[in-house]
Amino acid sequence: ASTHRPGELLETALSQTLDLLGYDGGAIYRIESGRGEATLQCRRNMPDACTDLAGIIFGTSFAETIATGLPCYLEDDRNPAPPGSRLLREFGFAALACIPLVVESDVVGALLIGTQERGSFSHDERALLEAVGREIGAGSVRGMLYRRLEAANREANLYLDILTHDIRNADNIVNIYADLLIAELEGEPARYARKLKDGIKKSIEITTNVATLR
């Protein structure tokens, strides 16, 4: 997940699912956080109309249907409802699976898988597809979190650059005034001024060490 951009990760996951398991077409959707909309991320051998899946069958939006977190199977061999039969004919599939991509209790998207020859999904196939859906969802979230971490690191480094720059500027100014005091003062006050300069030197060393450790 850390080595792929979001689109590449999902395209690879879809291609391997279709190729390794021998299915004929599929698509992956992502639910936009806070918007309640499902957007197509990648597809193969799947028509444009696949976003109408839930509207045709359930009379609700695709995003609302998959947000329940429950898989949906349309299968010719198991007497699907008439809307499901019509949808399968439009897609050219004998069976179609809609697998939510679930991470813990959150649904982050959906995997559509279609087969032209098999009219149903066996119990083992369903279990495998649902496991694939969980892994794709987890991989997608890991990739997102990794990119957020990279962005947070860049932002933290920027703040540290600004802070160390400002602290160094302040130290340099105070250091100049400390030198002026040492030149003007004698006795005990001059000793205090030299201690002040030593403290400024220590501050400069600390900011330098912070930059080096970072």
Protein backbone atom coordinates (compact mmCIF):
# COMPACT_ATOMS: atom_id res chain seq x y z
CA ALA A 1 0.00 0.00 0.00
CA SER A 2 2.87 2.39 0.73
CA THR A 3 4.43 1.97 -2.72
CA HIS A 4 1.30 2.58 -4.80
CA ARG A 5 -0.81 5.62 -5.46
CA PRO A 6 -4.52 5.06 -4.64
CA GLY A 7 -5.53 4.42 -8.24
CA GLU A 8 -2.63 2.03 -8.87
CA LEU A 9 -3.37 0.07 -5.71
CA LEU A 10 -7.03 -0.47 -6.64
CA GLU A 11 -6.28 -1.27 -10.28
CA THR A 12 -3.74 -3.89 -9.22
CA ALA A 13 -6.17 -5.39 -6.71
CA LEU A 14 -8.97 -5.58 -9.29
CA SER A 15 -6.76 -7.07 -12.00
CA GLN A 16 -5.35 -9.74 -9.71
CA THR A 17 -8.80 -10.63 -8.37
CA LEU A 18 -10.17 -11.11 -11.89
CA ASP A 19 -7.10 -12.91 -13.26
CA LEU A 20 -6.38 -15.22 -10.35
CA LEU A 21 -10.01 -16.16 -9.67
CA GLY A 22 -11.09 -16.35 -13.31
CA TYR A 23 -13.90 -13.78 -13.36
CA ASP A 24 -14.87 -11.81 -16.45
CA GLY A 25 -15.36 -8.24 -15.29
CA GLY A 26 -15.36 -5.98 -12.29
CA ALA A 27 -15.09 -2.52 -10.84
CA ILE A 28 -14.06 -0.86 -7.60
CA TYR A 29 -15.86 2.13 -6.11
CA ARG A 30 -14.90 4.35 -3.23
CA ILE A 31 -17.32 6.12 -0.91
CA GLU A 32 -16.35 9.77 -0.55
CA SER A 33 -16.06 10.55 3.16
CA GLY A 34 -18.68 13.02 4.31
CA ARG A 35 -20.38 13.18 0.89
CA GLY A 36 -22.19 9.85 0.83
CA GLU A 37 -21.35 9.31 -2.84
CA ALA A 38 -19.78 6.29 -4.55
CA THR A 39 -17.23 7.21 -7.21
CA LEU A 40 -15.76 4.80 -9.77
CA GLN A 41 -12.03 4.20 -9.21
CA CYS A 42 -11.29 1.51 -11.80
CA ARG A 43 -13.11 -1.05 -13.92
CA ARG A 44 -12.53 -3.82 -16.43
CA ASN A 45 -15.13 -5.25 -18.84
CA MET A 46 -17.83 -3.41 -16.94
CA PRO A 47 -20.34 -1.02 -18.60
CA ASP A 48 -20.87 2.58 -17.56
CA ALA A 49 -24.29 1.77 -16.14
CA CYS A 50 -22.94 -0.28 -13.23
CA THR A 51 -23.45 2.69 -10.89
CA ASP A 52 -27.20 2.20 -11.38
CA LEU A 53 -27.05 -1.20 -9.65
CA ALA A 54 -28.75 -0.20 -6.41
CA GLY A 55 -31.18 2.22 -8.03
CA ILE A 56 -32.49 -0.49 -10.32
CA ILE A 57 -32.78 -3.16 -7.66
CA PHE A 58 -33.46 -1.34 -4.41
CA GLY A 59 -34.76 2.04 -5.47
CA THR A 60 -32.00 3.81 -3.53
CA SER A 61 -28.53 5.14 -4.29
CA PHE A 62 -25.58 2.83 -4.85
CA ALA A 63 -23.68 4.43 -1.97
CA GLU A 64 -26.60 3.92 0.43
CA THR A 65 -26.88 0.27 -0.58
CA ILE A 66 -23.23 -0.64 0.00
CA ALA A 67 -23.08 1.51 3.15
CA THR A 68 -25.04 -1.24 4.92
CA GLY A 69 -21.87 -3.35 4.82
CA LEU A 70 -23.74 -6.40 3.50
CA PRO A 71 -22.71 -8.21 0.30
CA CYS A 72 -25.25 -8.53 -2.50
CA TYR A 73 -25.35 -11.38 -5.06
CA LEU A 74 -27.39 -11.47 -8.27
CA GLU A 75 -27.43 -14.97 -9.71
CA ASP A 76 -29.35 -16.50 -12.62
CA ASP A 77 -29.19 -19.97 -11.09
CA ARG A 78 -30.86 -18.86 -7.90
CA ASN A 79 -33.90 -17.12 -9.38
CA PRO A 80 -33.03 -13.46 -8.89
CA ALA A 81 -35.77 -10.87 -8.73
CA PRO A 82 -36.86 -9.45 -12.13
CA PRO A 83 -34.84 -6.22 -11.73
CA GLY A 84 -31.79 -8.33 -11.00
CA SER A 85 -32.37 -10.50 -14.07
CA ARG A 86 -32.67 -7.43 -16.26
CA LEU A 87 -29.49 -5.96 -14.83
CA LEU A 88 -27.57 -9.18 -15.46
CA ARG A 89 -28.76 -9.20 -19.08
CA GLU A 90 -27.67 -5.59 -19.55
CA PHE A 91 -24.23 -6.36 -18.16
CA GLY A 92 -23.90 -9.65 -20.01
CA PHE A 93 -23.22 -11.58 -16.78
CA ALA A 94 -24.77 -14.75 -15.42
CA ALA A 95 -23.91 -13.72 -11.85
CA LEU A 96 -22.80 -10.49 -10.20
CA ALA A 97 -21.39 -9.87 -6.72
CA CYS A 98 -21.33 -6.53 -4.91
CA ILE A 99 -18.85 -6.76 -2.03
CA PRO A 100 -18.53 -3.81 0.39
CA LEU A 101 -14.96 -2.84 1.25
CA VAL A 102 -15.18 -2.84 5.04
CA VAL A 103 -12.50 -1.62 7.44
CA GLU A 104 -13.51 -2.34 11.03
CA SER A 105 -17.03 -0.85 11.10
CA ASP A 106 -16.59 1.58 8.21
CA VAL A 107 -17.51 0.93 4.58
CA VAL A 108 -14.96 2.66 2.36
CA GLY A 109 -16.13 1.38 -1.02
CA ALA A 110 -17.33 -1.62 -2.99
CA LEU A 111 -16.00 -4.35 -5.26
CA LEU A 112 -18.18 -5.51 -8.17
CA ILE A 113 -17.35 -8.89 -9.69
CA GLY A 114 -19.14 -10.46 -12.65
CA THR A 115 -18.98 -13.86 -14.30
CA GLN A 116 -20.44 -14.80 -17.68
CA GLU A 117 -20.38 -18.59 -17.46
CA ARG A 118 -21.14 -19.44 -13.84
CA GLY A 119 -24.71 -18.69 -12.83
CA SER A 120 -24.00 -18.48 -9.12
CA PHE A 121 -21.25 -18.05 -6.54
CA SER A 122 -20.51 -21.02 -4.30
CA HIS A 123 -20.25 -20.66 -0.54
CA ASP A 124 -16.45 -20.81 -0.77
CA GLU A 125 -16.38 -18.22 -3.56
CA ARG A 126 -18.51 -15.86 -1.50
CA ALA A 127 -16.26 -16.27 1.52
CA LEU A 128 -13.17 -15.66 -0.62
CA LEU A 129 -14.63 -12.57 -2.33
CA GLU A 130 -15.66 -11.10 1.00
CA ALA A 131 -12.15 -11.73 2.35
CA VAL A 132 -10.69 -10.04 -0.76
CA GLY A 133 -13.01 -7.09 -0.13
CA ARG A 134 -11.74 -6.72 3.43
CA GLU A 135 -8.11 -6.82 2.25
CA ILE A 136 -8.69 -4.27 -0.50
CA GLY A 137 -10.41 -1.98 1.98
CA ALA A 138 -7.62 -2.38 4.53
CA GLY A 139 -4.95 -1.81 1.88
CA SER A 140 -6.71 1.30 0.64
CA VAL A 141 -6.94 2.73 4.15
CA ARG A 142 -3.30 1.84 4.90
CA GLY A 143 -2.23 3.66 1.75
CA MET A 144 -4.32 6.69 2.70
CA LEU A 145 -2.89 6.74 6.22
CA TYR A 146 0.65 6.38 4.85
CA ARG A 147 0.14 9.38 2.57
CA ARG A 148 -1.35 11.37 5.46
CA LEU A 149 1.70 10.46 7.55
CA GLU A 150 4.03 11.69 4.80
CA ALA A 151 2.08 14.94 4.56
CA ALA A 152 2.17 15.35 8.36
CA ASN A 153 5.95 14.80 8.35
CA ARG A 154 6.41 17.44 5.66
CA GLU A 155 4.22 19.86 7.61
CA ALA A 156 6.06 19.18 10.88
CA ASN A 157 9.42 19.71 9.17
CA LEU A 158 8.19 23.00 7.75
CA TYR A 159 7.12 24.20 11.21
CA LEU A 160 10.46 23.12 12.67
CA ASP A 161 12.31 24.98 9.91
CA ILE A 162 10.35 28.13 10.67
CA LEU A 163 10.79 27.79 14.44
CA THR A 164 14.53 27.08 14.34
CA HIS A 165 15.04 29.95 11.89
CA ASP A 166 13.17 32.39 14.14
CA ILE A 167 14.97 31.17 17.28
CA ARG A 168 18.36 31.53 15.58
CA ASN A 169 17.50 35.07 14.49
CA ALA A 170 16.47 35.97 18.05
CA ASP A 171 19.62 34.36 19.48
CA ASN A 172 21.85 36.24 17.04
CA ILE A 173 20.29 39.57 17.94
CA VAL A 174 20.61 38.93 21.70
CA ASN A 175 24.17 37.70 21.18
CA ILE A 176 25.11 41.02 19.57
CA TYR A 177 23.67 42.96 22.52
CA ALA A 178 25.51 40.65 24.94
CA ASP A 179 28.80 41.46 23.17
CA LEU A 180 28.04 45.19 23.47
CA LEU A 181 27.32 44.81 27.19
CA ILE A 182 30.54 42.88 27.78
CA ALA A 183 32.50 45.62 26.02
CA GLU A 184 30.83 48.37 28.06
CA LEU A 185 30.72 46.76 31.50
CA GLU A 186 33.37 45.90 34.07
CA GLY A 187 33.57 43.81 37.19
CA GLU A 188 30.52 41.89 38.42
CA PRO A 189 28.12 43.27 35.73
CA ALA A 190 30.55 42.16 33.01
CA ARG A 191 30.63 38.68 34.55
CA TYR A 192 26.83 38.55 34.41
CA ALA A 193 26.92 39.64 30.77
CA ARG A 194 29.39 36.85 29.95
CA LYS A 195 27.06 34.32 31.64
CA LEU A 196 24.26 35.74 29.50
CA LYS A 197 26.38 35.17 26.39
CA ASP A 198 27.13 31.59 27.52
CA GLY A 199 23.38 30.95 27.83
CA ILE A 200 22.79 32.29 24.32
CA LYS A 201 25.58 30.04 23.01
CA LYS A 202 23.89 27.07 24.65
CA SER A 203 20.58 27.97 22.99
CA ILE A 204 22.30 28.14 19.60
CA GLU A 205 23.81 24.69 20.20
CA ILE A 206 20.40 23.25 21.11
CA THR A 207 18.74 24.50 17.92
CA THR A 208 21.66 23.16 15.90
CA ASN A 209 21.32 19.75 17.59
CA VAL A 210 17.55 19.72 16.94
CA ALA A 211 18.17 20.36 13.23
CA THR A 212 20.84 17.64 13.12
CA LEU A 213 18.62 15.05 14.88
CA ARG A 214 15.70 15.85 12.60
